């Protein structure tokens, strides 16, 4: 499991509770071989928020874009406030309030960054249906040769 999923879930839950659920939420990981990054993207029509373990919160909206003045591990309520302001055409306000689990998340991210990386994305034939299964970092993949799960991630 990717360590930022509980944070993305907490932010998503706060947005849903506020009545502004994103149209899409994508959580992923990037491994360039030089650096590793965890990413969560929340999108509504013309507004996109992107959280990165490297750069924190950024946004794109019709009237402005760039880094959000939020703590890297901002409290979900602060993210909700930023989205409401952006949706109303206002620039976001600075907030340094941290998520209650920020310290645990920072430790989990550090551990993840130091762990051996998984092989790059691969596809393998799925013999029982003739389709392919994408191998994604952090997922369980059943190897057709050994029948054992690969728990890399």
N, C-alpha and C. Protein backbone atom coordinates (compact mmCIF):
# COMPACT_ATOMS: atom_id res chain seq x y z
N UNK A 1 0.84 -1.18 0.00
CA UNK A 1 0.00 0.00 0.00
C UNK A 1 0.89 1.25 0.00
N UNK A 2 0.48 2.23 -0.74
CA UNK A 2 1.21 3.49 -0.78
C UNK A 2 0.91 4.28 0.49
N UNK A 3 1.93 4.86 1.12
CA UNK A 3 1.74 5.46 2.44
C UNK A 3 0.88 6.72 2.46
N UNK A 4 0.63 7.35 1.34
CA UNK A 4 -0.16 8.58 1.36
C UNK A 4 -1.66 8.35 1.17
N UNK A 5 -2.07 7.10 0.99
CA UNK A 5 -3.49 6.82 0.79
C UNK A 5 -4.37 7.26 1.96
N UNK A 6 -3.96 7.05 3.23
CA UNK A 6 -4.81 7.53 4.33
C UNK A 6 -4.98 9.06 4.31
N UNK A 7 -3.94 9.78 3.91
CA UNK A 7 -4.04 11.24 3.83
C UNK A 7 -4.99 11.64 2.70
N UNK A 8 -4.84 11.04 1.53
CA UNK A 8 -5.74 11.33 0.41
C UNK A 8 -7.17 11.00 0.80
N UNK A 9 -7.38 9.88 1.50
CA UNK A 9 -8.72 9.51 1.95
C UNK A 9 -9.29 10.53 2.94
N UNK A 10 -8.46 11.03 3.86
CA UNK A 10 -8.92 12.01 4.84
C UNK A 10 -9.31 13.32 4.16
N UNK A 11 -8.51 13.76 3.20
CA UNK A 11 -8.85 14.98 2.46
C UNK A 11 -10.12 14.76 1.65
N UNK A 12 -10.22 13.62 0.98
CA UNK A 12 -11.42 13.31 0.21
C UNK A 12 -12.66 13.29 1.10
N UNK A 13 -12.58 12.68 2.26
CA UNK A 13 -13.72 12.62 3.18
C UNK A 13 -14.14 14.02 3.61
N UNK A 14 -13.19 14.89 3.88
CA UNK A 14 -13.51 16.27 4.28
C UNK A 14 -14.20 17.01 3.13
N UNK A 15 -13.73 16.80 1.91
CA UNK A 15 -14.35 17.43 0.75
C UNK A 15 -15.78 16.91 0.55
N UNK A 16 -15.97 15.62 0.70
CA UNK A 16 -17.31 15.03 0.58
C UNK A 16 -18.23 15.59 1.66
N UNK A 17 -17.74 15.64 2.90
CA UNK A 17 -18.54 16.18 4.01
C UNK A 17 -18.93 17.63 3.78
N UNK A 18 -18.07 18.39 3.09
CA UNK A 18 -18.36 19.79 2.79
C UNK A 18 -19.25 19.96 1.56
N UNK A 19 -19.59 18.85 0.92
CA UNK A 19 -20.45 18.90 -0.25
C UNK A 19 -19.74 19.28 -1.53
N UNK A 20 -18.42 19.14 -1.55
CA UNK A 20 -17.65 19.48 -2.75
C UNK A 20 -16.73 18.33 -3.15
N UNK A 21 -17.32 17.16 -3.26
CA UNK A 21 -16.55 15.97 -3.65
C UNK A 21 -15.92 16.20 -5.02
N UNK A 22 -14.66 15.84 -5.19
CA UNK A 22 -14.04 16.00 -6.51
C UNK A 22 -14.64 15.04 -7.53
N UNK A 23 -14.57 15.46 -8.80
CA UNK A 23 -15.02 14.57 -9.88
C UNK A 23 -14.10 13.36 -9.96
N UNK A 24 -12.81 13.60 -9.76
CA UNK A 24 -11.84 12.50 -9.77
C UNK A 24 -10.81 12.69 -8.67
N UNK A 25 -10.33 11.58 -8.17
CA UNK A 25 -9.23 11.53 -7.22
C UNK A 25 -8.29 10.45 -7.71
N UNK A 26 -7.04 10.81 -7.91
CA UNK A 26 -6.05 9.85 -8.36
C UNK A 26 -4.89 9.86 -7.38
N UNK A 27 -4.51 8.70 -6.89
CA UNK A 27 -3.35 8.56 -6.01
C UNK A 27 -2.36 7.65 -6.72
N UNK A 28 -1.10 8.09 -6.77
CA UNK A 28 -0.10 7.31 -7.49
C UNK A 28 1.29 7.53 -6.89
N UNK A 29 2.25 6.86 -7.50
CA UNK A 29 3.64 6.98 -7.10
C UNK A 29 4.48 7.10 -8.37
N UNK A 30 5.57 7.83 -8.26
CA UNK A 30 6.49 8.01 -9.36
C UNK A 30 7.89 7.61 -8.89
N UNK A 31 8.59 6.87 -9.72
CA UNK A 31 9.95 6.45 -9.39
C UNK A 31 10.80 6.66 -10.63
N UNK A 32 11.58 7.75 -10.64
CA UNK A 32 12.41 8.07 -11.80
C UNK A 32 13.76 7.37 -11.76
N UNK A 33 14.03 6.63 -10.72
CA UNK A 33 15.34 6.02 -10.56
C UNK A 33 16.27 6.93 -9.76
N UNK A 34 16.02 8.23 -9.83
CA UNK A 34 16.79 9.21 -9.07
C UNK A 34 16.02 9.63 -7.82
N UNK A 35 14.72 9.84 -7.98
CA UNK A 35 13.89 10.22 -6.85
C UNK A 35 12.54 9.51 -6.93
N UNK A 36 11.90 9.44 -5.79
CA UNK A 36 10.59 8.82 -5.70
C UNK A 36 9.62 9.85 -5.15
N UNK A 37 8.38 9.83 -5.65
CA UNK A 37 7.40 10.83 -5.27
C UNK A 37 6.02 10.18 -5.16
N UNK A 38 5.29 10.56 -4.15
CA UNK A 38 3.90 10.16 -3.98
C UNK A 38 3.03 11.32 -4.43
N UNK A 39 1.92 11.02 -5.10
CA UNK A 39 1.10 12.06 -5.70
C UNK A 39 -0.38 11.75 -5.44
N UNK A 40 -1.16 12.79 -5.17
CA UNK A 40 -2.62 12.70 -5.10
C UNK A 40 -3.17 13.89 -5.87
N UNK A 41 -4.10 13.64 -6.79
CA UNK A 41 -4.69 14.70 -7.61
C UNK A 41 -6.20 14.68 -7.42
N UNK A 42 -6.75 15.84 -7.06
CA UNK A 42 -8.18 16.03 -6.87
C UNK A 42 -8.64 17.00 -7.96
N UNK A 43 -9.67 16.62 -8.74
CA UNK A 43 -10.09 17.45 -9.88
C UNK A 43 -11.59 17.70 -9.88
N UNK A 44 -11.95 18.93 -10.19
CA UNK A 44 -13.33 19.37 -10.41
C UNK A 44 -13.30 20.19 -11.68
N UNK A 45 -13.96 19.79 -12.71
CA UNK A 45 -14.06 20.59 -13.94
C UNK A 45 -12.81 21.40 -14.25
N UNK A 46 -12.80 22.68 -13.84
CA UNK A 46 -11.70 23.57 -14.18
C UNK A 46 -10.74 23.85 -13.02
N UNK A 47 -10.88 23.13 -11.91
CA UNK A 47 -9.98 23.29 -10.76
C UNK A 47 -9.31 21.96 -10.49
N UNK A 48 -8.01 22.01 -10.31
CA UNK A 48 -7.23 20.81 -9.97
C UNK A 48 -6.32 21.13 -8.80
N UNK A 49 -6.33 20.27 -7.79
CA UNK A 49 -5.38 20.33 -6.69
C UNK A 49 -4.48 19.12 -6.81
N UNK A 50 -3.18 19.36 -6.61
CA UNK A 50 -2.19 18.28 -6.69
C UNK A 50 -1.34 18.31 -5.43
N UNK A 51 -1.32 17.19 -4.73
CA UNK A 51 -0.44 17.05 -3.57
C UNK A 51 0.72 16.15 -3.98
N UNK A 52 1.92 16.54 -3.58
CA UNK A 52 3.12 15.77 -3.86
C UNK A 52 3.94 15.65 -2.58
N UNK A 53 4.52 14.48 -2.36
CA UNK A 53 5.38 14.31 -1.20
C UNK A 53 6.62 15.18 -1.29
N UNK A 54 6.98 15.62 -2.50
CA UNK A 54 8.14 16.50 -2.69
C UNK A 54 7.81 17.97 -2.55
N UNK A 55 6.71 18.41 -3.15
CA UNK A 55 6.43 19.85 -3.25
C UNK A 55 5.21 20.32 -2.47
N UNK A 56 4.45 19.43 -1.87
CA UNK A 56 3.26 19.85 -1.13
C UNK A 56 2.09 20.11 -2.06
N UNK A 57 1.28 21.12 -1.73
CA UNK A 57 0.03 21.40 -2.44
C UNK A 57 0.22 22.44 -3.53
N UNK A 58 -0.34 22.16 -4.71
CA UNK A 58 -0.37 23.10 -5.85
C UNK A 58 -1.79 23.09 -6.40
N UNK A 59 -2.11 24.13 -7.17
CA UNK A 59 -3.45 24.19 -7.75
C UNK A 59 -3.41 24.83 -9.13
N UNK A 60 -4.44 24.51 -9.88
CA UNK A 60 -4.69 25.14 -11.17
C UNK A 60 -6.16 25.51 -11.19
N UNK A 61 -6.46 26.78 -11.45
CA UNK A 61 -7.83 27.27 -11.56
C UNK A 61 -7.83 28.32 -12.67
N UNK A 62 -9.01 28.67 -13.21
CA UNK A 62 -9.04 29.62 -14.32
C UNK A 62 -8.41 30.97 -14.00
N UNK A 63 -8.51 31.43 -12.78
CA UNK A 63 -8.03 32.77 -12.43
C UNK A 63 -6.64 32.79 -11.79
N UNK A 64 -6.10 31.65 -11.41
CA UNK A 64 -4.78 31.62 -10.79
C UNK A 64 -4.27 30.19 -10.75
N UNK A 65 -3.04 30.03 -10.36
CA UNK A 65 -2.45 28.70 -10.25
C UNK A 65 -1.11 28.80 -9.56
N UNK A 66 -0.59 27.68 -9.12
CA UNK A 66 0.71 27.64 -8.47
C UNK A 66 0.63 26.96 -7.12
N UNK A 67 1.62 27.23 -6.33
CA UNK A 67 1.72 26.61 -5.01
C UNK A 67 0.63 27.16 -4.10
N UNK A 68 -0.02 26.27 -3.35
CA UNK A 68 -1.01 26.69 -2.36
C UNK A 68 -0.29 27.04 -1.07
N UNK A 69 -0.73 28.11 -0.40
CA UNK A 69 -0.07 28.50 0.86
C UNK A 69 -0.55 27.63 2.03
N UNK A 70 -0.38 26.32 1.87
CA UNK A 70 -0.77 25.36 2.89
C UNK A 70 0.45 24.57 3.33
N UNK A 71 0.36 24.04 4.54
CA UNK A 71 1.39 23.14 5.04
C UNK A 71 1.46 21.93 4.11
N UNK A 72 2.63 21.34 3.96
CA UNK A 72 2.77 20.16 3.10
C UNK A 72 1.77 19.07 3.49
N UNK A 73 1.53 18.91 4.78
CA UNK A 73 0.57 17.93 5.28
C UNK A 73 -0.61 18.69 5.90
N UNK A 74 -1.22 19.56 5.12
CA UNK A 74 -2.30 20.43 5.60
C UNK A 74 -3.46 19.64 6.16
N UNK A 75 -4.09 20.22 7.17
CA UNK A 75 -5.31 19.63 7.72
C UNK A 75 -6.36 19.58 6.60
N UNK A 76 -7.12 18.49 6.51
CA UNK A 76 -8.14 18.41 5.47
C UNK A 76 -9.09 19.61 5.44
N UNK A 77 -9.43 20.18 6.60
CA UNK A 77 -10.30 21.36 6.63
C UNK A 77 -9.66 22.55 5.92
N UNK A 78 -8.34 22.69 6.00
CA UNK A 78 -7.64 23.77 5.31
C UNK A 78 -7.72 23.58 3.80
N UNK A 79 -7.65 22.34 3.35
CA UNK A 79 -7.76 22.04 1.92
C UNK A 79 -9.18 22.38 1.45
N UNK A 80 -10.19 22.05 2.25
CA UNK A 80 -11.57 22.38 1.92
C UNK A 80 -11.72 23.89 1.75
N UNK A 81 -11.18 24.66 2.69
CA UNK A 81 -11.25 26.12 2.61
C UNK A 81 -10.61 26.63 1.33
N UNK A 82 -9.47 26.09 0.98
CA UNK A 82 -8.78 26.50 -0.25
C UNK A 82 -9.63 26.21 -1.49
N UNK A 83 -10.27 25.05 -1.53
CA UNK A 83 -11.11 24.70 -2.68
C UNK A 83 -12.31 25.64 -2.77
N UNK A 84 -12.94 25.92 -1.65
CA UNK A 84 -14.10 26.83 -1.65
C UNK A 84 -13.69 28.20 -2.18
N UNK A 85 -12.57 28.73 -1.71
CA UNK A 85 -12.10 30.04 -2.18
C UNK A 85 -11.78 30.02 -3.67
N UNK A 86 -11.09 28.99 -4.12
CA UNK A 86 -10.77 28.88 -5.55
C UNK A 86 -12.04 28.79 -6.40
N UNK A 87 -13.00 28.01 -5.95
CA UNK A 87 -14.25 27.86 -6.70
C UNK A 87 -15.03 29.17 -6.78
N UNK A 88 -14.88 30.03 -5.75
CA UNK A 88 -15.56 31.32 -5.74
C UNK A 88 -14.75 32.41 -6.44
N UNK A 89 -13.61 32.03 -7.03
CA UNK A 89 -12.80 33.00 -7.75
C UNK A 89 -11.83 33.80 -6.89
N UNK A 90 -11.63 33.36 -5.65
CA UNK A 90 -10.72 34.06 -4.74
C UNK A 90 -9.41 33.30 -4.62
N UNK A 91 -8.33 34.00 -4.35
CA UNK A 91 -7.07 33.28 -4.10
C UNK A 91 -7.14 32.60 -2.74
N UNK A 92 -6.45 31.48 -2.60
CA UNK A 92 -6.46 30.79 -1.31
C UNK A 92 -5.70 31.59 -0.26
N UNK A 93 -6.05 31.37 1.00
CA UNK A 93 -5.37 32.05 2.10
C UNK A 93 -4.37 31.09 2.74
N UNK A 94 -3.35 31.66 3.35
CA UNK A 94 -2.31 30.85 3.99
C UNK A 94 -2.89 30.15 5.23
N UNK A 95 -2.48 28.91 5.40
CA UNK A 95 -2.88 28.13 6.57
C UNK A 95 -1.77 27.14 6.86
N UNK A 96 -1.31 27.15 8.08
CA UNK A 96 -0.22 26.24 8.47
C UNK A 96 -0.71 25.08 9.32
N UNK A 97 -2.03 24.93 9.48
CA UNK A 97 -2.57 23.83 10.27
C UNK A 97 -2.23 22.50 9.62
N UNK A 98 -1.70 21.58 10.44
CA UNK A 98 -1.29 20.27 9.94
C UNK A 98 -2.33 19.21 10.27
N UNK A 99 -2.36 18.19 9.40
CA UNK A 99 -3.21 17.02 9.62
C UNK A 99 -2.75 16.35 10.91
N UNK A 100 -3.70 15.82 11.67
CA UNK A 100 -3.39 15.18 12.95
C UNK A 100 -2.39 14.04 12.81
N UNK A 101 -2.38 13.35 11.67
CA UNK A 101 -1.49 12.21 11.45
C UNK A 101 -0.24 12.58 10.64
N UNK A 102 0.07 13.87 10.56
CA UNK A 102 1.18 14.35 9.72
C UNK A 102 2.52 13.70 10.09
N UNK A 103 2.80 13.60 11.35
CA UNK A 103 4.10 13.02 11.76
C UNK A 103 4.22 11.58 11.30
N UNK A 104 3.18 10.78 11.49
CA UNK A 104 3.20 9.38 11.06
C UNK A 104 3.34 9.28 9.55
N UNK A 105 2.65 10.17 8.83
CA UNK A 105 2.74 10.17 7.37
C UNK A 105 4.16 10.51 6.92
N UNK A 106 4.78 11.50 7.54
CA UNK A 106 6.15 11.87 7.17
C UNK A 106 7.11 10.71 7.38
N UNK A 107 6.96 9.99 8.47
CA UNK A 107 7.81 8.82 8.74
C UNK A 107 7.56 7.73 7.70
N UNK A 108 6.29 7.47 7.40
CA UNK A 108 5.95 6.43 6.41
C UNK A 108 6.49 6.79 5.03
N UNK A 109 6.43 8.06 4.67
CA UNK A 109 6.97 8.49 3.37
C UNK A 109 8.48 8.31 3.35
N UNK A 110 9.15 8.69 4.43
CA UNK A 110 10.60 8.50 4.51
C UNK A 110 10.98 7.03 4.37
N UNK A 111 10.24 6.16 5.04
CA UNK A 111 10.51 4.72 4.93
C UNK A 111 10.28 4.25 3.49
N UNK A 112 9.20 4.72 2.87
CA UNK A 112 8.89 4.33 1.49
C UNK A 112 9.98 4.81 0.53
N UNK A 113 10.45 6.04 0.72
CA UNK A 113 11.50 6.57 -0.16
C UNK A 113 12.80 5.79 -0.05
N UNK A 114 13.06 5.22 1.12
CA UNK A 114 14.29 4.47 1.34
C UNK A 114 14.18 3.00 0.96
N UNK A 115 12.96 2.52 0.74
CA UNK A 115 12.78 1.11 0.42
C UNK A 115 13.22 0.84 -1.01
N UNK A 116 13.60 -0.40 -1.30
CA UNK A 116 13.97 -0.73 -2.68
C UNK A 116 12.78 -0.51 -3.61
N UNK A 117 13.05 0.02 -4.77
CA UNK A 117 11.95 0.28 -5.69
C UNK A 117 11.54 -0.99 -6.42
N UNK A 118 10.31 -0.98 -6.88
CA UNK A 118 9.78 -2.10 -7.65
C UNK A 118 10.23 -1.97 -9.10
N UNK A 119 10.17 -3.05 -9.86
CA UNK A 119 10.49 -2.97 -11.28
C UNK A 119 9.53 -2.02 -11.98
N UNK A 120 9.88 -1.51 -13.15
CA UNK A 120 9.00 -0.60 -13.87
C UNK A 120 7.71 -1.29 -14.30
N UNK A 121 6.73 -0.47 -14.67
CA UNK A 121 5.43 -0.98 -15.11
C UNK A 121 5.61 -1.99 -16.23
N UNK A 122 4.95 -3.11 -16.07
CA UNK A 122 5.03 -4.17 -17.07
C UNK A 122 3.63 -4.70 -17.33
N UNK A 123 3.43 -5.28 -18.46
CA UNK A 123 2.18 -6.01 -18.69
C UNK A 123 2.56 -7.45 -18.99
N UNK A 124 1.74 -8.34 -18.52
CA UNK A 124 1.96 -9.76 -18.76
C UNK A 124 0.65 -10.36 -19.23
N UNK A 125 0.73 -11.36 -20.08
CA UNK A 125 -0.51 -11.98 -20.53
C UNK A 125 -1.22 -12.67 -19.37
N UNK A 126 -2.52 -12.55 -19.37
CA UNK A 126 -3.32 -13.25 -18.37
C UNK A 126 -3.90 -14.47 -19.05
N UNK A 127 -3.42 -15.60 -18.69
CA UNK A 127 -3.72 -16.83 -19.41
C UNK A 127 -5.17 -17.28 -19.30
N UNK A 128 -5.82 -16.97 -18.18
CA UNK A 128 -7.18 -17.49 -18.04
C UNK A 128 -8.21 -16.73 -18.89
N UNK A 129 -7.91 -15.47 -19.29
CA UNK A 129 -8.87 -14.72 -20.09
C UNK A 129 -8.26 -14.15 -21.35
N UNK A 130 -6.98 -14.29 -21.53
CA UNK A 130 -6.33 -13.77 -22.72
C UNK A 130 -6.11 -12.27 -22.71
N UNK A 131 -6.36 -11.58 -21.57
CA UNK A 131 -6.13 -10.15 -21.49
C UNK A 131 -4.80 -9.88 -20.80
N UNK A 132 -4.48 -8.62 -20.59
CA UNK A 132 -3.24 -8.30 -19.90
C UNK A 132 -3.56 -7.68 -18.55
N UNK A 133 -2.65 -7.84 -17.62
CA UNK A 133 -2.76 -7.25 -16.29
C UNK A 133 -1.58 -6.30 -16.15
N UNK A 134 -1.86 -5.04 -15.83
CA UNK A 134 -0.77 -4.10 -15.60
C UNK A 134 -0.19 -4.33 -14.22
N UNK A 135 1.09 -4.32 -14.13
CA UNK A 135 1.77 -4.45 -12.85
C UNK A 135 2.04 -3.04 -12.35
N UNK A 136 1.41 -2.67 -11.24
CA UNK A 136 1.53 -1.33 -10.70
C UNK A 136 2.23 -1.42 -9.37
N UNK A 137 3.15 -0.49 -9.11
CA UNK A 137 3.87 -0.46 -7.85
C UNK A 137 2.87 -0.43 -6.70
N UNK A 138 3.03 -1.31 -5.75
CA UNK A 138 2.17 -1.35 -4.58
C UNK A 138 0.98 -2.29 -4.72
N UNK A 139 0.77 -2.85 -5.88
CA UNK A 139 -0.36 -3.75 -6.04
C UNK A 139 0.09 -5.19 -5.86
N UNK A 140 -0.87 -6.05 -5.68
CA UNK A 140 -0.57 -7.48 -5.59
C UNK A 140 -0.71 -8.05 -6.99
N UNK A 141 0.29 -8.74 -7.46
CA UNK A 141 0.27 -9.33 -8.79
C UNK A 141 0.49 -10.82 -8.64
N UNK A 142 -0.41 -11.60 -9.18
CA UNK A 142 -0.25 -13.06 -9.11
C UNK A 142 0.54 -13.52 -10.31
N UNK A 143 1.70 -14.03 -10.06
CA UNK A 143 2.57 -14.49 -11.14
C UNK A 143 2.02 -15.78 -11.72
N UNK A 144 1.83 -15.84 -13.05
CA UNK A 144 1.30 -17.08 -13.64
C UNK A 144 2.30 -18.23 -13.54
N UNK A 145 3.59 -17.92 -13.35
CA UNK A 145 4.59 -18.99 -13.27
C UNK A 145 4.65 -19.60 -11.89
N UNK A 146 4.65 -18.77 -10.87
CA UNK A 146 4.88 -19.32 -9.53
C UNK A 146 3.60 -19.43 -8.72
N UNK A 147 2.57 -18.63 -9.05
CA UNK A 147 1.35 -18.65 -8.25
C UNK A 147 1.51 -17.97 -6.90
N UNK A 148 2.59 -17.21 -6.74
CA UNK A 148 2.83 -16.51 -5.46
C UNK A 148 2.65 -15.01 -5.68
N UNK A 149 2.09 -14.32 -4.69
CA UNK A 149 1.91 -12.88 -4.85
C UNK A 149 3.25 -12.17 -4.77
N UNK A 150 3.38 -11.11 -5.56
CA UNK A 150 4.54 -10.23 -5.48
C UNK A 150 4.09 -9.03 -4.66
N UNK A 151 4.58 -8.89 -3.47
CA UNK A 151 4.12 -7.83 -2.58
C UNK A 151 5.07 -6.64 -2.56
N UNK A 152 5.76 -6.41 -3.64
CA UNK A 152 6.68 -5.29 -3.72
C UNK A 152 5.90 -3.99 -3.56
N UNK A 153 6.38 -3.06 -2.78
CA UNK A 153 5.71 -1.77 -2.62
C UNK A 153 5.61 -1.42 -1.25
